[in-house]
């Protein structure tokens, strides 16, 4: 693969150099590592779709994609529902003791 040049500020270059040195690598390898860690919009969409598929397939979630898109803090809502379900299954044992 051919190398190329990118223009960055001196401060950014120095920061990249420090990160690369700390990681025992080159600035080019450090930039590649940073880029690989950042998903593209397409990769994010694929991950969201896969997460929704798993929620539906393994956890019986029935929310539609538009409902999921509209819901703020959806993951917290899913956790809250799961916690309530778990408490409902365990609570009768505590009360009868």
PDB file of N, CA and C in Angstrom:
ATOM      1  N   UNK A   1       0.852  -1.174   0.000  1.00  0.00           N
ATOM      2  CA  UNK A   1       0.000   0.000   0.000  1.00  0.00           C
ATOM      3  C   UNK A   1       0.895   1.235   0.000  1.00  0.00           C
ATOM      4  N   UNK A   2       0.550   2.186  -0.840  1.00  0.00           N
ATOM      5  CA  UNK A   2       1.329   3.412  -0.939  1.00  0.00           C
ATOM      6  C   UNK A   2       0.987   4.356   0.203  1.00  0.00           C
ATOM      7  N   UNK A   3       1.993   5.061   0.693  1.00  0.00           N
ATOM      8  CA  UNK A   3       1.771   6.063   1.725  1.00  0.00           C
ATOM      9  C   UNK A   3       1.284   7.349   1.092  1.00  0.00           C
ATOM     10  N   UNK A   4       0.656   8.177   1.903  1.00  0.00           N
ATOM     11  CA  UNK A   4       0.193   9.472   1.447  1.00  0.00           C
ATOM     12  C   UNK A   4       0.451  10.480   2.553  1.00  0.00           C
ATOM     13  N   UNK A   5       0.241  11.722   2.259  1.00  0.00           N
ATOM     14  CA  UNK A   5       0.463  12.789   3.221  1.00  0.00           C
ATOM     15  C   UNK A   5      -0.863  13.439   3.563  1.00  0.00           C
ATOM     16  N   UNK A   6      -1.055  13.720   4.837  1.00  0.00           N
ATOM     17  CA  UNK A   6      -2.226  14.484   5.251  1.00  0.00           C
ATOM     18  C   UNK A   6      -1.740  15.724   5.993  1.00  0.00           C
ATOM     19  N   UNK A   7      -2.515  16.788   5.902  1.00  0.00           N
ATOM     20  CA  UNK A   7      -2.146  18.016   6.594  1.00  0.00           C
ATOM     21  C   UNK A   7      -2.918  18.101   7.900  1.00  0.00           C
ATOM     22  N   UNK A   8      -2.178  18.274   8.968  1.00  0.00           N
ATOM     23  CA  UNK A   8      -2.765  18.478  10.289  1.00  0.00           C
ATOM     24  C   UNK A   8      -1.989  19.604  10.963  1.00  0.00           C
ATOM     25  N   UNK A   9      -2.572  20.138  12.016  1.00  0.00           N
ATOM     26  CA  UNK A   9      -1.867  21.188  12.752  1.00  0.00           C
ATOM     27  C   UNK A   9      -0.644  20.595  13.446  1.00  0.00           C
ATOM     28  N   UNK A  10       0.274  21.450  13.831  1.00  0.00           N
ATOM     29  CA  UNK A  10       1.461  20.994  14.549  1.00  0.00           C
ATOM     30  C   UNK A  10       1.063  20.345  15.868  1.00  0.00           C
ATOM     31  N   UNK A  11       0.041  20.876  16.508  1.00  0.00           N
ATOM     32  CA  UNK A  11      -0.428  20.315  17.773  1.00  0.00           C
ATOM     33  C   UNK A  11      -0.959  18.883  17.573  1.00  0.00           C
ATOM     34  N   UNK A  12      -1.718  18.683  16.500  1.00  0.00           N
ATOM     35  CA  UNK A  12      -2.250  17.344  16.211  1.00  0.00           C
ATOM     36  C   UNK A  12      -1.118  16.389  15.886  1.00  0.00           C
ATOM     37  N   UNK A  13      -0.151  16.841  15.085  1.00  0.00           N
ATOM     38  CA  UNK A  13       1.009  16.002  14.748  1.00  0.00           C
ATOM     39  C   UNK A  13       1.754  15.596  16.009  1.00  0.00           C
ATOM     40  N   UNK A  14       1.963  16.562  16.908  1.00  0.00           N
ATOM     41  CA  UNK A  14       2.692  16.261  18.142  1.00  0.00           C
ATOM     42  C   UNK A  14       1.909  15.280  19.019  1.00  0.00           C
ATOM     43  N   UNK A  15       0.609  15.459  19.055  1.00  0.00           N
ATOM     44  CA  UNK A  15      -0.232  14.549  19.856  1.00  0.00           C
ATOM     45  C   UNK A  15      -0.187  13.142  19.258  1.00  0.00           C
ATOM     46  N   UNK A  16      -0.298  13.047  17.937  1.00  0.00           N
ATOM     47  CA  UNK A  16      -0.193  11.740  17.278  1.00  0.00           C
ATOM     48  C   UNK A  16       1.162  11.100  17.537  1.00  0.00           C
ATOM     49  N   UNK A  17       2.211  11.907  17.494  1.00  0.00           N
ATOM     50  CA  UNK A  17       3.553  11.379  17.743  1.00  0.00           C
ATOM     51  C   UNK A  17       3.667  10.854  19.168  1.00  0.00           C
ATOM     52  N   UNK A  18       3.096  11.568  20.125  1.00  0.00           N
ATOM     53  CA  UNK A  18       3.149  11.123  21.522  1.00  0.00           C
ATOM     54  C   UNK A  18       2.349   9.834  21.704  1.00  0.00           C
ATOM     55  N   UNK A  19       1.166   9.757  21.098  1.00  0.00           N
ATOM     56  CA  UNK A  19       0.352   8.541  21.186  1.00  0.00           C
ATOM     57  C   UNK A  19       1.070   7.360  20.544  1.00  0.00           C
ATOM     58  N   UNK A  20       1.671   7.611  19.381  1.00  0.00           N
ATOM     59  CA  UNK A  20       2.386   6.542  18.681  1.00  0.00           C
ATOM     60  C   UNK A  20       3.574   6.063  19.507  1.00  0.00           C
ATOM     61  N   UNK A  21       4.328   6.996  20.073  1.00  0.00           N
ATOM     62  CA  UNK A  21       5.488   6.623  20.881  1.00  0.00           C
ATOM     63  C   UNK A  21       5.057   5.810  22.100  1.00  0.00           C
ATOM     64  N   UNK A  22       3.975   6.236  22.735  1.00  0.00           N
ATOM     65  CA  UNK A  22       3.481   5.513  23.914  1.00  0.00           C
ATOM     66  C   UNK A  22       3.032   4.104  23.546  1.00  0.00           C
ATOM     67  N   UNK A  23       2.545   3.943  22.335  1.00  0.00           N
ATOM     68  CA  UNK A  23       2.093   2.626  21.891  1.00  0.00           C
ATOM     69  C   UNK A  23       3.163   1.829  21.168  1.00  0.00           C
ATOM     70  N   UNK A  24       4.361   2.397  21.059  1.00  0.00           N
ATOM     71  CA  UNK A  24       5.456   1.694  20.390  1.00  0.00           C
ATOM     72  C   UNK A  24       5.222   1.510  18.908  1.00  0.00           C
ATOM     73  N   UNK A  25       4.626   2.508  18.272  1.00  0.00           N
ATOM     74  CA  UNK A  25       4.307   2.388  16.852  1.00  0.00           C
ATOM     75  C   UNK A  25       4.634   3.697  16.133  1.00  0.00           C
ATOM     76  N   UNK A  26       4.273   3.771  14.878  1.00  0.00           N
ATOM     77  CA  UNK A  26       4.517   4.976  14.086  1.00  0.00           C
ATOM     78  C   UNK A  26       3.263   5.845  14.059  1.00  0.00           C
ATOM     79  N   UNK A  27       3.437   7.087  13.618  1.00  0.00           N
ATOM     80  CA  UNK A  27       2.275   7.975  13.482  1.00  0.00           C
ATOM     81  C   UNK A  27       1.289   7.385  12.484  1.00  0.00           C
ATOM     82  N   UNK A  28       1.775   6.858  11.381  1.00  0.00           N
ATOM     83  CA  UNK A  28       0.885   6.256  10.382  1.00  0.00           C
ATOM     84  C   UNK A  28       0.085   5.100  10.954  1.00  0.00           C
ATOM     85  N   UNK A  29       0.755   4.240  11.715  1.00  0.00           N
ATOM     86  CA  UNK A  29       0.056   3.114  12.336  1.00  0.00           C
ATOM     87  C   UNK A  29      -0.937   3.599  13.385  1.00  0.00           C
ATOM     88  N   UNK A  30      -0.571   4.677  14.092  1.00  0.00           N
ATOM     89  CA  UNK A  30      -1.487   5.236  15.090  1.00  0.00           C
ATOM     90  C   UNK A  30      -2.734   5.808  14.419  1.00  0.00           C
ATOM     91  N   UNK A  31      -2.574   6.511  13.315  1.00  0.00           N
ATOM     92  CA  UNK A  31      -3.726   7.041  12.581  1.00  0.00           C
ATOM     93  C   UNK A  31      -4.593   5.881  12.089  1.00  0.00           C
ATOM     94  N   UNK A  32      -3.967   4.843  11.554  1.00  0.00           N
ATOM     95  CA  UNK A  32      -4.731   3.679  11.095  1.00  0.00           C
ATOM     96  C   UNK A  32      -5.508   3.056  12.245  1.00  0.00           C
ATOM     97  N   UNK A  33      -4.896   2.946  13.415  1.00  0.00           N
ATOM     98  CA  UNK A  33      -5.560   2.384  14.586  1.00  0.00           C
ATOM     99  C   UNK A  33      -6.768   3.245  14.984  1.00  0.00           C
ATOM    100  N   UNK A  34      -6.599   4.557  14.971  1.00  0.00           N
ATOM    101  CA  UNK A  34      -7.704   5.462  15.312  1.00  0.00           C
ATOM    102  C   UNK A  34      -8.855   5.344  14.304  1.00  0.00           C
ATOM    103  N   UNK A  35      -8.512   5.237  13.030  1.00  0.00           N
ATOM    104  CA  UNK A  35      -9.530   5.116  11.988  1.00  0.00           C
ATOM    105  C   UNK A  35     -10.273   3.788  12.115  1.00  0.00           C
ATOM    106  N   UNK A  36      -9.556   2.721  12.370  1.00  0.00           N
ATOM    107  CA  UNK A  36     -10.191   1.397  12.509  1.00  0.00           C
ATOM    108  C   UNK A  36     -11.139   1.352  13.706  1.00  0.00           C
ATOM    109  N   UNK A  37     -10.850   2.132  14.737  1.00  0.00           N
ATOM    110  CA  UNK A  37     -11.689   2.136  15.935  1.00  0.00           C
ATOM    111  C   UNK A  37     -12.987   2.908  15.736  1.00  0.00           C
ATOM    112  N   UNK A  38     -13.066   3.713  14.695  1.00  0.00           N
ATOM    113  CA  UNK A  38     -14.250   4.543  14.432  1.00  0.00           C
ATOM    114  C   UNK A  38     -15.110   3.887  13.355  1.00  0.00           C
ATOM    115  N   UNK A  39     -16.304   3.396  13.722  1.00  0.00           N
ATOM    116  CA  UNK A  39     -17.135   2.744  12.700  1.00  0.00           C
ATOM    117  C   UNK A  39     -17.719   3.755  11.703  1.00  0.00           C
ATOM    118  N   UNK A  40     -17.927   3.281  10.502  1.00  0.00           N
ATOM    119  CA  UNK A  40     -18.570   4.101   9.477  1.00  0.00           C
ATOM    120  C   UNK A  40     -20.075   4.131   9.735  1.00  0.00           C
ATOM    121  N   UNK A  41     -20.799   5.067   9.135  1.00  0.00           N
ATOM    122  CA  UNK A  41     -22.257   5.063   9.288  1.00  0.00           C
ATOM    123  C   UNK A  41     -22.892   3.735   8.862  1.00  0.00           C
ATOM    124  N   UNK A  42     -22.341   3.119   7.824  1.00  0.00           N
ATOM    125  CA  UNK A  42     -22.866   1.833   7.373  1.00  0.00           C
ATOM    126  C   UNK A  42     -22.648   0.747   8.422  1.00  0.00           C
ATOM    127  N   UNK A  43     -21.464   0.744   9.046  1.00  0.00           N
ATOM    128  CA  UNK A  43     -21.184  -0.241  10.089  1.00  0.00           C
ATOM    129  C   UNK A  43     -22.091  -0.027  11.306  1.00  0.00           C
ATOM    130  N   UNK A  44     -22.330   1.220  11.652  1.00  0.00           N
ATOM    131  CA  UNK A  44     -23.233   1.519  12.771  1.00  0.00           C
ATOM    132  C   UNK A  44     -24.631   1.006  12.457  1.00  0.00           C
ATOM    133  N   UNK A  45     -25.105   1.262  11.238  1.00  0.00           N
ATOM    134  CA  UNK A  45     -26.439   0.794  10.845  1.00  0.00           C
ATOM    135  C   UNK A  45     -26.523  -0.734  10.901  1.00  0.00           C
ATOM    136  N   UNK A  46     -25.464  -1.416  10.466  1.00  0.00           N
ATOM    137  CA  UNK A  46     -25.436  -2.881  10.524  1.00  0.00           C
ATOM    138  C   UNK A  46     -25.493  -3.371  11.969  1.00  0.00           C
ATOM    139  N   UNK A  47     -24.760  -2.714  12.851  1.00  0.00           N
ATOM    140  CA  UNK A  47     -24.756  -3.109  14.269  1.00  0.00           C
ATOM    141  C   UNK A  47     -26.120  -2.883  14.907  1.00  0.00           C
ATOM    142  N   UNK A  48     -26.754  -1.768  14.573  1.00  0.00           N
ATOM    143  CA  UNK A  48     -28.089  -1.482  15.106  1.00  0.00           C
ATOM    144  C   UNK A  48     -29.070  -2.546  14.627  1.00  0.00           C
ATOM    145  N   UNK A  49     -29.032  -2.857  13.336  1.00  0.00           N
ATOM    146  CA  UNK A  49     -29.938  -3.867  12.787  1.00  0.00           C
ATOM    147  C   UNK A  49     -29.707  -5.227  13.441  1.00  0.00           C
ATOM    148  N   UNK A  50     -28.455  -5.598  13.644  1.00  0.00           N
ATOM    149  CA  UNK A  50     -28.147  -6.876  14.278  1.00  0.00           C
ATOM    150  C   UNK A  50     -28.601  -6.883  15.736  1.00  0.00           C
ATOM    151  N   UNK A  51     -28.409  -5.796  16.438  1.00  0.00           N
ATOM    152  CA  UNK A  51     -28.870  -5.703  17.824  1.00  0.00           C
ATOM    153  C   UNK A  51     -30.374  -5.845  17.928  1.00  0.00           C
ATOM    154  N   UNK A  52     -31.077  -5.203  17.028  1.00  0.00           N
ATOM    155  CA  UNK A  52     -32.532  -5.305  17.020  1.00  0.00           C
ATOM    156  C   UNK A  52     -32.983  -6.724  16.687  1.00  0.00           C
ATOM    157  N   UNK A  53     -32.287  -7.360  15.755  1.00  0.00           N
ATOM    158  CA  UNK A  53     -32.625  -8.738  15.396  1.00  0.00           C
ATOM    159  C   UNK A  53     -32.444  -9.650  16.610  1.00  0.00           C
ATOM    160  N   UNK A  54     -31.347  -9.475  17.327  1.00  0.00           N
ATOM    161  CA  UNK A  54     -31.090 -10.299  18.502  1.00  0.00           C
ATOM    162  C   UNK A  54     -32.123 -10.051  19.599  1.00  0.00           C
ATOM    163  N   UNK A  55     -32.489  -8.787  19.802  1.00  0.00           N
ATOM    164  CA  UNK A  55     -33.513  -8.482  20.801  1.00  0.00           C
ATOM    165  C   UNK A  55     -34.828  -9.172  20.458  1.00  0.00           C
ATOM    166  N   UNK A  56     -35.185  -9.146  19.186  1.00  0.00           N
ATOM    167  CA  UNK A  56     -36.447  -9.768  18.775  1.00  0.00           C
ATOM    168  C   UNK A  56     -36.372 -11.294  18.856  1.00  0.00           C
ATOM    169  N   UNK A  57     -35.260 -11.843  18.371  1.00  0.00           N
ATOM    170  CA  UNK A  57     -35.135 -13.301  18.292  1.00  0.00           C
ATOM    171  C   UNK A  57     -34.932 -13.953  19.655  1.00  0.00           C
ATOM    172  N   UNK A  58     -34.102 -13.378  20.487  1.00  0.00           N
ATOM    173  CA  UNK A  58     -33.734 -14.032  21.741  1.00  0.00           C
ATOM    174  C   UNK A  58     -34.485 -13.516  22.967  1.00  0.00           C
ATOM    175  N   UNK A  59     -35.053 -12.318  22.875  1.00  0.00           N
ATOM    176  CA  UNK A  59     -35.693 -11.736  24.053  1.00  0.00           C
ATOM    177  C   UNK A  59     -37.169 -11.432  23.832  1.00  0.00           C
ATOM    178  N   UNK A  60     -37.685 -11.767  22.662  1.00  0.00           N
ATOM    179  CA  UNK A  60     -39.103 -11.578  22.400  1.00  0.00           C
ATOM    180  C   UNK A  60     -39.552 -10.134  22.325  1.00  0.00           C
ATOM    181  N   UNK A  61     -38.636  -9.215  22.047  1.00  0.00           N
ATOM    182  CA  UNK A  61     -39.004  -7.809  21.942  1.00  0.00           C
ATOM    183  C   UNK A  61     -39.905  -7.611  20.730  1.00  0.00           C
ATOM    184  N   UNK A  62     -40.986  -6.881  20.902  1.00  0.00           N
ATOM    185  CA  UNK A  62     -41.941  -6.691  19.805  1.00  0.00           C
ATOM    186  C   UNK A  62     -41.980  -5.255  19.297  1.00  0.00           C
ATOM    187  N   UNK A  63     -41.110  -4.382  19.776  1.00  0.00           N
ATOM    188  CA  UNK A  63     -41.110  -3.005  19.303  1.00  0.00           C
ATOM    189  C   UNK A  63     -40.676  -2.951  17.838  1.00  0.00           C
ATOM    190  N   UNK A  64     -41.331  -2.079  17.083  1.00  0.00           N
ATOM    191  CA  UNK A  64     -40.987  -1.901  15.672  1.00  0.00           C
ATOM    192  C   UNK A  64     -39.772  -0.990  15.552  1.00  0.00           C
ATOM    193  N   UNK A  65     -39.178  -0.959  14.383  1.00  0.00           N
ATOM    194  CA  UNK A  65     -38.040  -0.061  14.163  1.00  0.00           C
ATOM    195  C   UNK A  65     -38.421   1.399  14.413  1.00  0.00           C
ATOM    196  N   UNK A  66     -39.572   1.887  13.902  1.00  0.00           N
ATOM    197  CA  UNK A  66     -39.939   3.277  14.205  1.00  0.00           C
ATOM    198  C   UNK A  66     -40.098   3.526  15.710  1.00  0.00           C
ATOM    199  N   UNK A  67     -40.653   2.565  16.433  1.00  0.00           N
ATOM    200  CA  UNK A  67     -40.783   2.735  17.885  1.00  0.00           C
ATOM    201  C   UNK A  67     -39.411   2.807  18.544  1.00  0.00           C
ATOM    202  N   UNK A  68     -38.500   1.975  18.065  1.00  0.00           N
ATOM    203  CA  UNK A  68     -37.146   2.001  18.608  1.00  0.00           C
ATOM    204  C   UNK A  68     -36.455   3.320  18.280  1.00  0.00           C
ATOM    205  N   UNK A  69     -36.676   3.819  17.062  1.00  0.00           N
ATOM    206  CA  UNK A  69     -36.052   5.075  16.649  1.00  0.00           C
ATOM    207  C   UNK A  69     -36.562   6.260  17.470  1.00  0.00           C
ATOM    208  N   UNK A  70     -37.824   6.219  17.873  1.00  0.00           N
ATOM    209  CA  UNK A  70     -38.422   7.328  18.611  1.00  0.00           C
ATOM    210  C   UNK A  70     -38.082   7.308  20.095  1.00  0.00           C
ATOM    211  N   UNK A  71     -37.767   6.140  20.621  1.00  0.00           N
ATOM    212  CA  UNK A  71     -37.612   6.001  22.067  1.00  0.00           C
ATOM    213  C   UNK A  71     -36.279   6.477  22.595  1.00  0.00           C
ATOM    214  N   UNK A  72     -36.280   7.534  23.426  1.00  0.00           N
ATOM    215  CA  UNK A  72     -35.022   7.941  24.055  1.00  0.00           C
ATOM    216  C   UNK A  72     -34.636   6.935  25.135  1.00  0.00           C
ATOM    217  N   UNK A  73     -33.358   6.751  25.303  1.00  0.00           N
ATOM    218  CA  UNK A  73     -32.838   5.852  26.337  1.00  0.00           C
ATOM    219  C   UNK A  73     -33.453   4.460  26.239  1.00  0.00           C
ATOM    220  N   UNK A  74     -33.567   3.952  25.041  1.00  0.00           N
ATOM    221  CA  UNK A  74     -34.213   2.658  24.830  1.00  0.00           C
ATOM    222  C   UNK A  74     -33.527   1.546  25.606  1.00  0.00           C
ATOM    223  N   UNK A  75     -32.209   1.528  25.596  1.00  0.00           N
ATOM    224  CA  UNK A  75     -31.512   0.453  26.291  1.00  0.00           C
ATOM    225  C   UNK A  75     -31.861   0.477  27.779  1.00  0.00           C
ATOM    226  N   UNK A  76     -31.943   1.660  28.361  1.00  0.00           N
ATOM    227  CA  UNK A  76     -32.317   1.743  29.765  1.00  0.00           C
ATOM    228  C   UNK A  76     -33.736   1.222  29.969  1.00  0.00           C
ATOM    229  N   UNK A  77     -34.634   1.521  29.020  1.00  0.00           N
ATOM    230  CA  UNK A  77     -36.004   1.012  29.123  1.00  0.00           C
ATOM    231  C   UNK A  77     -36.018  -0.517  29.060  1.00  0.00           C
ATOM    232  N   UNK A  78     -35.203  -1.093  28.184  1.00  0.00           N
ATOM    233  CA  UNK A  78     -35.122  -2.552  28.074  1.00  0.00           C
ATOM    234  C   UNK A  78     -34.604  -3.135  29.386  1.00  0.00           C
ATOM    235  N   UNK A  79     -33.572  -2.522  29.961  1.00  0.00           N
ATOM    236  CA  UNK A  79     -33.051  -2.986  31.247  1.00  0.00           C
ATOM    237  C   UNK A  79     -34.123  -2.896  32.335  1.00  0.00           C
ATOM    238  N   UNK A  80     -34.864  -1.790  32.353  1.00  0.00           N
ATOM    239  CA  UNK A  80     -35.910  -1.613  33.368  1.00  0.00           C
ATOM    240  C   UNK A  80     -36.990  -2.685  33.238  1.00  0.00           C
ATOM    241  N   UNK A  81     -37.396  -2.981  32.018  1.00  0.00           N
ATOM    242  CA  UNK A  81     -38.419  -4.008  31.785  1.00  0.00           C
ATOM    243  C   UNK A  81     -37.895  -5.372  32.222  1.00  0.00           C
ATOM    244  N   UNK A  82     -36.646  -5.676  31.861  1.00  0.00           N
ATOM    245  CA  UNK A  82     -36.059  -6.962  32.246  1.00  0.00           C
ATOM    246  C   UNK A  82     -35.941  -7.070  33.761  1.00  0.00           C
ATOM    247  N   UNK A  83     -35.550  -5.981  34.412  1.00  0.00           N
ATOM    248  CA  UNK A  83     -35.429  -5.993  35.869  1.00  0.00           C
ATOM    249  C   UNK A  83     -36.795  -6.189  36.519  1.00  0.00           C
ATOM    250  N   UNK A  84     -37.823  -5.516  36.008  1.00  0.00           N
ATOM    251  CA  UNK A  84     -39.167  -5.672  36.553  1.00  0.00           C
ATOM    252  C   UNK A  84     -39.656  -7.109  36.379  1.00  0.00           C
ATOM    253  N   UNK A  85     -39.391  -7.695  35.228  1.00  0.00           N
ATOM    254  CA  UNK A  85     -39.778  -9.087  34.993  1.00  0.00           C
ATOM    255  C   UNK A  85     -39.059 -10.015  35.968  1.00  0.00           C
ATOM    256  N   UNK A  86     -37.773  -9.778  36.176  1.00  0.00           N
ATOM    257  CA  UNK A  86     -37.011 -10.618  37.100  1.00  0.00           C
ATOM    258  C   UNK A  86     -37.538 -10.468  38.524  1.00  0.00           C
ATOM    259  N   UNK A  87     -37.840  -9.230  38.928  1.00  0.00           N
ATOM    260  CA  UNK A  87     -38.382  -9.013  40.274  1.00  0.00           C
ATOM    261  C   UNK A  87     -39.728  -9.699  40.433  1.00  0.00           C
ATOM    262  N   UNK A  88     -40.553  -9.659  39.407  1.00  0.00           N
ATOM    263  CA  UNK A  88     -41.876 -10.284  39.478  1.00  0.00           C
ATOM    264  C   UNK A  88     -41.756 -11.798  39.638  1.00  0.00           C
ATOM    265  N   UNK A  89     -40.746 -12.388  39.047  1.00  0.00           N
ATOM    266  CA  UNK A  89     -40.559 -13.834  39.156  1.00  0.00           C
ATOM    267  C   UNK A  89     -39.983 -14.229  40.509  1.00  0.00           C
ATOM    268  N   UNK A  90     -39.185 -13.361  41.105  1.00  0.00           N
ATOM    269  CA  UNK A  90     -38.522 -13.666  42.370  1.00  0.00           C
ATOM    270  C   UNK A  90     -39.360 -13.227  43.565  1.00  0.00           C
ATOM    271  N   UNK A  91     -40.105 -12.146  43.447  1.00  0.00           N
ATOM    272  CA  UNK A  91     -40.844 -11.559  44.570  1.00  0.00           C
ATOM    273  C   UNK A  91     -41.789 -12.531  45.262  1.00  0.00           C
ATOM    274  N   UNK A  92     -42.533 -13.357  44.540  1.00  0.00           N
ATOM    275  CA  UNK A  92     -43.439 -14.276  45.256  1.00  0.00           C
ATOM    276  C   UNK A  92     -42.711 -15.196  46.223  1.00  0.00           C
ATOM    277  N   UNK A  93     -41.495 -15.600  45.914  1.00  0.00           N
ATOM    278  CA  UNK A  93     -40.727 -16.463  46.816  1.00  0.00           C
ATOM    279  C   UNK A  93     -40.370 -15.724  48.094  1.00  0.00           C
ATOM    280  N   UNK A  94     -40.048 -14.428  47.973  1.00  0.00           N
ATOM    281  CA  UNK A  94     -39.684 -13.651  49.148  1.00  0.00           C
ATOM    282  C   UNK A  94     -40.895 -13.443  50.055  1.00  0.00           C
ATOM    283  N   UNK A  95     -42.038 -13.218  49.468  1.00  0.00           N
ATOM    284  CA  UNK A  95     -43.237 -12.942  50.254  1.00  0.00           C
ATOM    285  C   UNK A  95     -43.717 -14.178  51.010  1.00  0.00           C
ATOM    286  N   UNK A  96     -43.540 -15.346  50.443  1.00  0.00           N
ATOM    287  CA  UNK A  96     -44.046 -16.560  51.079  1.00  0.00           C
ATOM    288  C   UNK A  96     -43.141 -17.064  52.185  1.00  0.00           C
ATOM    289  N   UNK A  97     -41.953 -16.529  52.307  1.00  0.00           N
ATOM    290  CA  UNK A  97     -41.019 -17.013  53.334  1.00  0.00           C
ATOM    291  C   UNK A  97     -41.298 -16.417  54.684  1.00  0.00           C
TER     292      UNK A  97
END
